Amino acid sequence: MLRRNIPIIIILTIIIGLSLSFGGCSLRKGSGPVYFKKSDLKKRIAVIPFQEYSTQEGESLGGRVAVVLAQRLAQSGKVTVMPWKEVEAYISVQRIPRPLTQASAVLVGRGLNLNAVVLGSISEIDEVSSRSGFWAYIPFIKDTGSMNVSLVAKVVDVENGTLLMAKASRGDTKYDSEEDSLASGSGKGPDRSLINRSLDEAARAMSKSILKALANSPWKGYVLSVSGNVAMLSAGQEEGVKLGDRFVILSVQDRITGATGISYVIPGPTKAALEVTRVLGNSSEAKIISGQALPGEAVYPVN
């Protein structure tokens, strides 16, 4: 009789074991790494002027891309974009070499209490005409073509230095007259209005990819200062923080130092809990309910 029941006993043992395991996980809340990926709070980012490989005179093309990207991202209502002048001033004061790399973007982002930094380059500016090759000798063929601009962008998470996104986008502007051609015989080079229109189109497409990448990463703010049981946080009304909002600070499970010397933290269990008691423009005050908070530590919203 016992032998007949052995398979049943084994199955029941496995089920009970699994139940206890999952039950234990739920009872030991906060005992392991916790990640808060969904939040209505706006992420604070910076957009760095793109590198450009062009000798065109006039407005900086890389600067134009950054302006268009920043405008599109801010208009989405999902992020706040730090003004470039403030970012540039910080880079100058800290004497951070340019152009920024992924590693130096982390330094800038941490210094300015950002969630992420966007940087990239204009990889290609090209004009394609229908009257090229054999067709250039056919007089009755109408001159049509397009101005093509390609961008490559990266979104760097400033807390752990990882890439949230690395993607290319392309903008094309069609033309059908010699006045709009890349080389119309004037000797002035590319038509800047065509280039700008293609840049704007590529930047608009890139902004959608950036927002998607940011949406899949956890929101975080930072402790600016601590006085008694009150912590000043780096996010406020502009980011959507409200009275009574709660945040947690995670302990450090491990710390890794990269080849560039930058330290990256692997979060562990919850070490402190905070509740917002006063909201300012881009900062807020929070009461430390439990644990200890230190300046520079990241805070995560409790959903």
Protein backbone atom coordinates (compact mmCIF):
# COMPACT_ATOMS: atom_id res chain seq x y z
CA MET A 1 0.00 0.00 0.00
CA LEU A 2 2.81 2.35 0.89
CA ARG A 3 4.57 1.67 -2.41
CA ARG A 4 1.43 2.62 -4.33
CA ASN A 5 1.26 5.96 -2.54
CA ILE A 6 4.95 6.86 -2.99
CA PRO A 7 4.40 8.80 -6.28
CA ILE A 8 1.54 10.74 -4.66
CA ILE A 9 3.66 11.53 -1.61
CA ILE A 10 6.50 12.76 -3.81
CA ILE A 11 4.15 15.05 -5.80
CA LEU A 12 2.60 16.46 -2.61
CA THR A 13 6.07 17.06 -1.17
CA ILE A 14 7.12 19.03 -4.27
CA ILE A 15 3.91 21.11 -4.21
CA ILE A 16 4.30 21.91 -0.51
CA GLY A 17 7.96 22.76 -1.00
CA LEU A 18 7.17 25.15 -3.82
CA SER A 19 4.37 26.75 -1.81
CA LEU A 20 6.68 27.34 1.12
CA SER A 21 9.37 28.75 -1.17
CA PHE A 22 7.06 31.26 -2.80
CA GLY A 23 5.37 32.01 0.50
CA GLY A 24 8.75 32.60 2.08
CA CYS A 25 9.65 35.04 -0.68
CA SER A 26 6.49 37.02 -0.07
CA LEU A 27 7.01 37.02 3.70
CA ARG A 28 10.62 38.09 3.39
CA LYS A 29 9.72 41.26 1.52
CA GLY A 30 12.75 43.46 1.01
CA SER A 31 15.23 40.67 1.67
CA GLY A 32 16.55 40.73 -1.91
CA PRO A 33 17.11 43.30 -4.65
CA VAL A 34 14.02 45.37 -5.40
CA TYR A 35 13.50 47.24 -8.69
CA PHE A 36 10.70 49.73 -9.27
CA LYS A 37 10.18 49.94 -13.02
CA LYS A 38 6.79 51.61 -13.30
CA SER A 39 6.23 55.17 -12.11
CA ASP A 40 4.35 58.25 -13.25
CA LEU A 41 7.22 60.46 -12.12
CA LYS A 42 9.16 62.22 -14.86
CA LYS A 43 12.77 61.22 -15.40
CA ARG A 44 15.33 64.02 -15.44
CA ILE A 45 17.74 63.81 -18.37
CA ALA A 46 20.25 65.85 -20.36
CA VAL A 47 20.78 65.89 -24.12
CA ILE A 48 24.37 66.54 -25.20
CA PRO A 49 25.02 68.24 -28.60
CA PHE A 50 25.74 65.52 -31.13
CA GLN A 51 29.17 65.10 -32.68
CA GLU A 52 29.24 66.15 -36.29
CA TYR A 53 31.69 65.25 -39.01
CA SER A 54 31.11 68.24 -41.22
CA THR A 55 32.78 71.55 -42.00
CA GLN A 56 29.53 73.36 -42.83
CA GLU A 57 29.40 76.98 -41.81
CA GLY A 58 26.63 78.53 -39.76
CA GLU A 59 24.48 76.85 -37.14
CA SER A 60 25.98 73.78 -35.48
CA LEU A 61 24.19 70.74 -36.87
CA GLY A 62 24.98 68.72 -33.76
CA GLY A 63 23.57 71.52 -31.62
CA ARG A 64 20.42 71.63 -33.72
CA VAL A 65 19.85 67.90 -33.24
CA ALA A 66 20.16 68.30 -29.46
CA VAL A 67 17.72 71.22 -29.41
CA VAL A 68 15.10 69.38 -31.48
CA LEU A 69 15.50 66.21 -29.41
CA ALA A 70 15.22 68.12 -26.12
CA GLN A 71 12.06 69.90 -27.32
CA ARG A 72 10.39 66.69 -28.50
CA LEU A 73 11.28 64.83 -25.30
CA ALA A 74 10.05 67.65 -23.06
CA GLN A 75 6.80 67.99 -25.03
CA SER A 76 6.04 64.32 -24.34
CA GLY A 77 5.40 65.19 -20.69
CA LYS A 78 7.31 62.09 -19.60
CA VAL A 79 10.71 63.66 -18.88
CA THR A 80 12.25 66.92 -17.76
CA VAL A 81 15.27 68.04 -19.76
CA MET A 82 17.99 70.02 -18.03
CA PRO A 83 18.90 73.16 -20.03
CA TRP A 84 22.11 72.70 -22.00
CA LYS A 85 23.66 75.88 -20.57
CA GLU A 86 23.52 74.40 -17.07
CA VAL A 87 25.01 71.12 -18.28
CA GLU A 88 27.73 72.94 -20.22
CA ALA A 89 28.60 75.08 -17.19
CA TYR A 90 29.01 71.97 -15.04
CA ILE A 91 31.21 70.29 -17.66
CA SER A 92 33.41 73.39 -17.86
CA VAL A 93 33.74 73.80 -14.09
CA GLN A 94 34.57 70.12 -13.61
CA ARG A 95 36.94 70.22 -16.62
CA ILE A 96 35.45 67.10 -18.13
CA PRO A 97 37.03 66.40 -21.55
CA ARG A 98 34.93 66.69 -24.68
CA PRO A 99 33.41 65.05 -26.57
CA LEU A 100 31.74 63.09 -23.81
CA THR A 101 32.13 59.33 -23.74
CA GLN A 102 29.84 56.81 -22.10
CA ALA A 103 32.04 56.89 -18.99
CA SER A 104 32.24 60.70 -18.75
CA ALA A 105 28.48 60.95 -19.38
CA VAL A 106 28.04 58.96 -16.17
CA LEU A 107 30.16 61.52 -14.28
CA VAL A 108 28.08 64.39 -15.66
CA GLY A 109 24.81 62.63 -14.92
CA ARG A 110 25.74 61.78 -11.36
CA GLY A 111 27.01 65.28 -10.69
CA LEU A 112 23.73 66.79 -11.91
CA ASN A 113 21.46 64.15 -10.29
CA LEU A 114 20.05 62.92 -13.59
CA ASN A 115 18.41 59.64 -14.55
CA ALA A 116 20.06 59.42 -17.94
CA VAL A 117 22.21 61.24 -20.48
CA VAL A 118 21.60 61.23 -24.23
CA LEU A 119 24.59 61.60 -26.56
CA GLY A 120 25.35 60.66 -30.13
CA SER A 121 26.59 61.75 -33.54
CA ILE A 122 25.53 62.66 -37.04
CA SER A 123 26.82 59.64 -38.90
CA GLU A 124 25.90 60.58 -42.46
CA ILE A 125 24.73 63.45 -44.65
CA ASP A 126 24.10 62.28 -48.18
CA GLU A 127 22.23 63.47 -51.27
CA VAL A 128 20.78 61.08 -53.80
CA SER A 129 19.71 62.41 -57.20
CA SER A 130 17.67 60.71 -59.91
CA ARG A 131 19.92 62.35 -62.52
CA SER A 132 23.07 60.52 -61.63
CA GLY A 133 25.14 58.18 -63.79
CA PHE A 134 23.56 57.52 -67.20
CA TRP A 135 20.42 59.55 -66.40
CA ALA A 136 22.44 62.75 -65.97
CA TYR A 137 22.79 62.97 -69.78
CA ILE A 138 19.06 62.74 -70.49
CA PRO A 139 17.83 66.37 -70.67
CA PHE A 140 14.10 65.69 -70.37
CA ILE A 141 14.44 63.63 -67.16
CA LYS A 142 13.23 65.73 -64.24
CA ASP A 143 15.77 66.20 -61.47
CA THR A 144 14.42 64.58 -58.30
CA GLY A 145 16.21 63.27 -55.29
CA SER A 146 16.47 63.38 -51.52
CA MET A 147 18.69 64.69 -48.76
CA ASN A 148 19.44 61.90 -46.29
CA VAL A 149 20.69 62.40 -42.75
CA SER A 150 21.49 59.56 -40.33
CA LEU A 151 21.87 59.85 -36.57
CA VAL A 152 23.26 57.45 -33.98
CA ALA A 153 22.27 57.98 -30.34
CA LYS A 154 22.96 56.39 -26.97
CA VAL A 155 21.02 56.68 -23.73
CA VAL A 156 23.29 56.13 -20.72
CA ASP A 157 21.93 55.16 -17.30
CA VAL A 158 23.98 57.30 -14.92
CA GLU A 159 23.62 55.04 -11.88
CA ASN A 160 25.09 51.86 -13.33
CA GLY A 161 26.69 53.15 -16.53
CA THR A 162 24.80 50.76 -18.80
CA LEU A 163 23.32 51.62 -22.17
CA LEU A 164 19.55 51.84 -22.09
CA MET A 165 19.55 52.30 -25.85
CA ALA A 166 21.91 52.47 -28.82
CA LYS A 167 20.07 53.12 -32.03
CA ALA A 168 20.21 54.81 -35.44
CA SER A 169 17.53 56.90 -37.15
CA ARG A 170 17.24 58.45 -40.58
CA GLY A 171 15.58 61.52 -42.05
CA ASP A 172 14.89 62.02 -45.78
CA THR A 173 13.78 65.21 -47.51
CA LYS A 174 12.61 64.90 -51.11
CA TYR A 175 13.24 67.58 -53.73
CA ASP A 176 12.17 67.93 -57.33
CA SER A 177 13.85 71.10 -58.55
CA GLU A 178 17.39 72.27 -59.21
CA GLU A 179 16.97 75.05 -56.67
CA ASP A 180 16.73 72.42 -53.93
CA SER A 181 19.58 70.29 -55.23
CA LEU A 182 22.68 69.59 -53.20
CA ALA A 183 24.90 71.08 -55.88
CA SER A 184 22.92 73.56 -57.95
CA GLY A 185 25.97 75.12 -59.49
CA SER A 186 26.18 78.00 -57.06
CA GLY A 187 29.28 76.57 -55.41
CA LYS A 188 27.79 77.17 -51.97
CA GLY A 189 27.55 73.47 -51.13
CA PRO A 190 24.61 71.66 -49.57
CA ASP A 191 21.28 73.39 -49.13
CA ARG A 192 21.09 73.91 -45.37
CA SER A 193 17.29 74.07 -45.36
CA LEU A 194 17.15 70.53 -46.78
CA ILE A 195 19.71 69.28 -44.28
CA ASN A 196 17.84 70.89 -41.40
CA ARG A 197 14.55 69.36 -42.45
CA SER A 198 16.13 65.91 -42.66
CA LEU A 199 17.85 66.42 -39.31
CA ASP A 200 14.55 67.38 -37.71
CA GLU A 201 12.83 64.30 -39.14
CA ALA A 202 15.61 62.00 -37.89
CA ALA A 203 15.50 63.65 -34.45
CA ARG A 204 11.74 63.22 -34.19
CA ALA A 205 12.07 59.52 -34.95
CA MET A 206 14.91 59.20 -32.44
CA SER A 207 12.89 60.88 -29.68
CA LYS A 208 10.31 58.07 -29.84
CA SER A 209 13.02 55.43 -29.39
CA ILE A 210 14.53 57.36 -26.47
CA LEU A 211 11.18 57.66 -24.67
CA LYS A 212 10.57 53.94 -25.10
CA ALA A 213 14.00 53.10 -23.66
CA LEU A 214 13.48 55.43 -20.68
CA ALA A 215 10.03 53.96 -20.01
CA ASN A 216 11.61 50.53 -19.52
CA SER A 217 14.09 51.75 -16.90
CA PRO A 218 13.33 52.43 -13.21
CA TRP A 219 12.82 56.00 -12.03
CA LYS A 220 15.21 57.21 -9.39
CA GLY A 221 16.02 60.41 -7.55
CA TYR A 222 18.85 61.23 -5.18
CA VAL A 223 19.35 62.40 -1.62
CA LEU A 224 20.85 65.89 -1.81
CA SER A 225 21.32 66.48 1.92
CA VAL A 226 20.23 65.20 5.32
CA SER A 227 19.42 67.20 8.46
CA GLY A 228 18.21 65.19 11.41
CA ASN A 229 15.36 62.99 10.19
CA VAL A 230 14.68 65.12 7.09
CA ALA A 231 16.22 64.40 3.68
CA MET A 232 16.24 66.78 0.72
CA LEU A 233 15.49 64.91 -2.52
CA SER A 234 16.49 65.85 -6.08
CA ALA A 235 12.94 65.65 -7.48
CA GLY A 236 9.99 67.96 -6.94
CA GLN A 237 6.90 69.40 -8.55
CA GLU A 238 8.49 69.43 -12.02
CA GLU A 239 8.98 65.67 -11.83
CA GLY A 240 5.47 65.06 -10.45
CA VAL A 241 6.33 64.47 -6.78
CA LYS A 242 3.36 64.99 -4.42
CA LEU A 243 2.86 65.27 -0.67
CA GLY A 244 2.74 61.86 0.96
CA ASP A 245 4.72 60.12 -1.78
CA ARG A 246 6.95 57.40 -0.39
CA PHE A 247 10.43 56.39 -1.46
CA VAL A 248 12.92 53.74 -0.39
CA ILE A 249 16.69 53.54 -0.39
CA LEU A 250 18.27 50.21 -1.25
CA SER A 251 21.35 48.88 0.47
CA VAL A 252 24.50 48.07 -1.48
CA GLN A 253 24.69 44.37 -2.23
CA ASP A 254 27.88 44.72 -4.22
CA ARG A 255 30.06 47.42 -5.71
CA ILE A 256 31.97 47.04 -8.97
CA THR A 257 34.69 49.36 -10.22
CA GLY A 258 35.04 49.57 -13.98
CA ALA A 259 38.18 49.98 -16.05
CA THR A 260 37.64 53.77 -16.10
CA GLY A 261 37.61 53.92 -12.30
CA ILE A 262 33.89 54.62 -12.00
CA SER A 263 32.13 52.65 -9.26
CA TYR A 264 28.84 50.90 -10.03
CA VAL A 265 26.43 49.71 -7.34
CA ILE A 266 24.37 46.52 -7.34
CA PRO A 267 21.37 47.25 -5.07
CA GLY A 268 20.26 44.91 -2.32
CA PRO A 269 17.52 44.93 0.36
CA THR A 270 15.66 48.08 1.47
CA LYS A 271 17.64 50.06 4.04
CA ALA A 272 15.51 53.18 4.51
CA ALA A 273 12.00 54.51 3.87
CA LEU A 274 11.02 58.15 3.34
CA GLU A 275 7.77 60.13 3.02
CA VAL A 276 7.50 63.51 1.27
CA THR A 277 6.38 66.34 3.58
CA ARG A 278 7.13 69.37 1.40
CA VAL A 279 7.32 69.78 -2.38
CA LEU A 280 9.38 72.49 -4.12
CA GLY A 281 10.00 73.21 -7.80
CA ASN A 282 12.66 70.61 -8.58
CA SER A 283 13.32 69.25 -5.10
CA SER A 284 11.38 68.06 -2.07
CA GLU A 285 11.75 67.38 1.63
CA ALA A 286 11.05 63.92 2.99
CA LYS A 287 10.81 62.56 6.51
CA ILE A 288 13.00 59.53 7.15
CA ILE A 289 10.48 57.00 8.47
CA SER A 290 12.94 54.19 9.02
CA GLY A 291 16.60 53.42 8.44
CA GLN A 292 19.33 55.90 7.53
CA ALA A 293 19.70 58.13 4.48
CA LEU A 294 22.97 59.57 3.24
CA PRO A 295 23.67 62.28 0.64
CA GLY A 296 24.20 60.84 -2.84
CA GLU A 297 22.10 57.73 -2.30
CA ALA A 298 19.44 56.87 -4.88
CA VAL A 299 15.77 56.81 -3.91
CA TYR A 300 13.10 54.72 -5.64
CA PRO A 301 9.32 55.31 -5.57
CA VAL A 302 7.11 52.82 -3.79
CA ASN A 303 4.25 51.82 -6.08
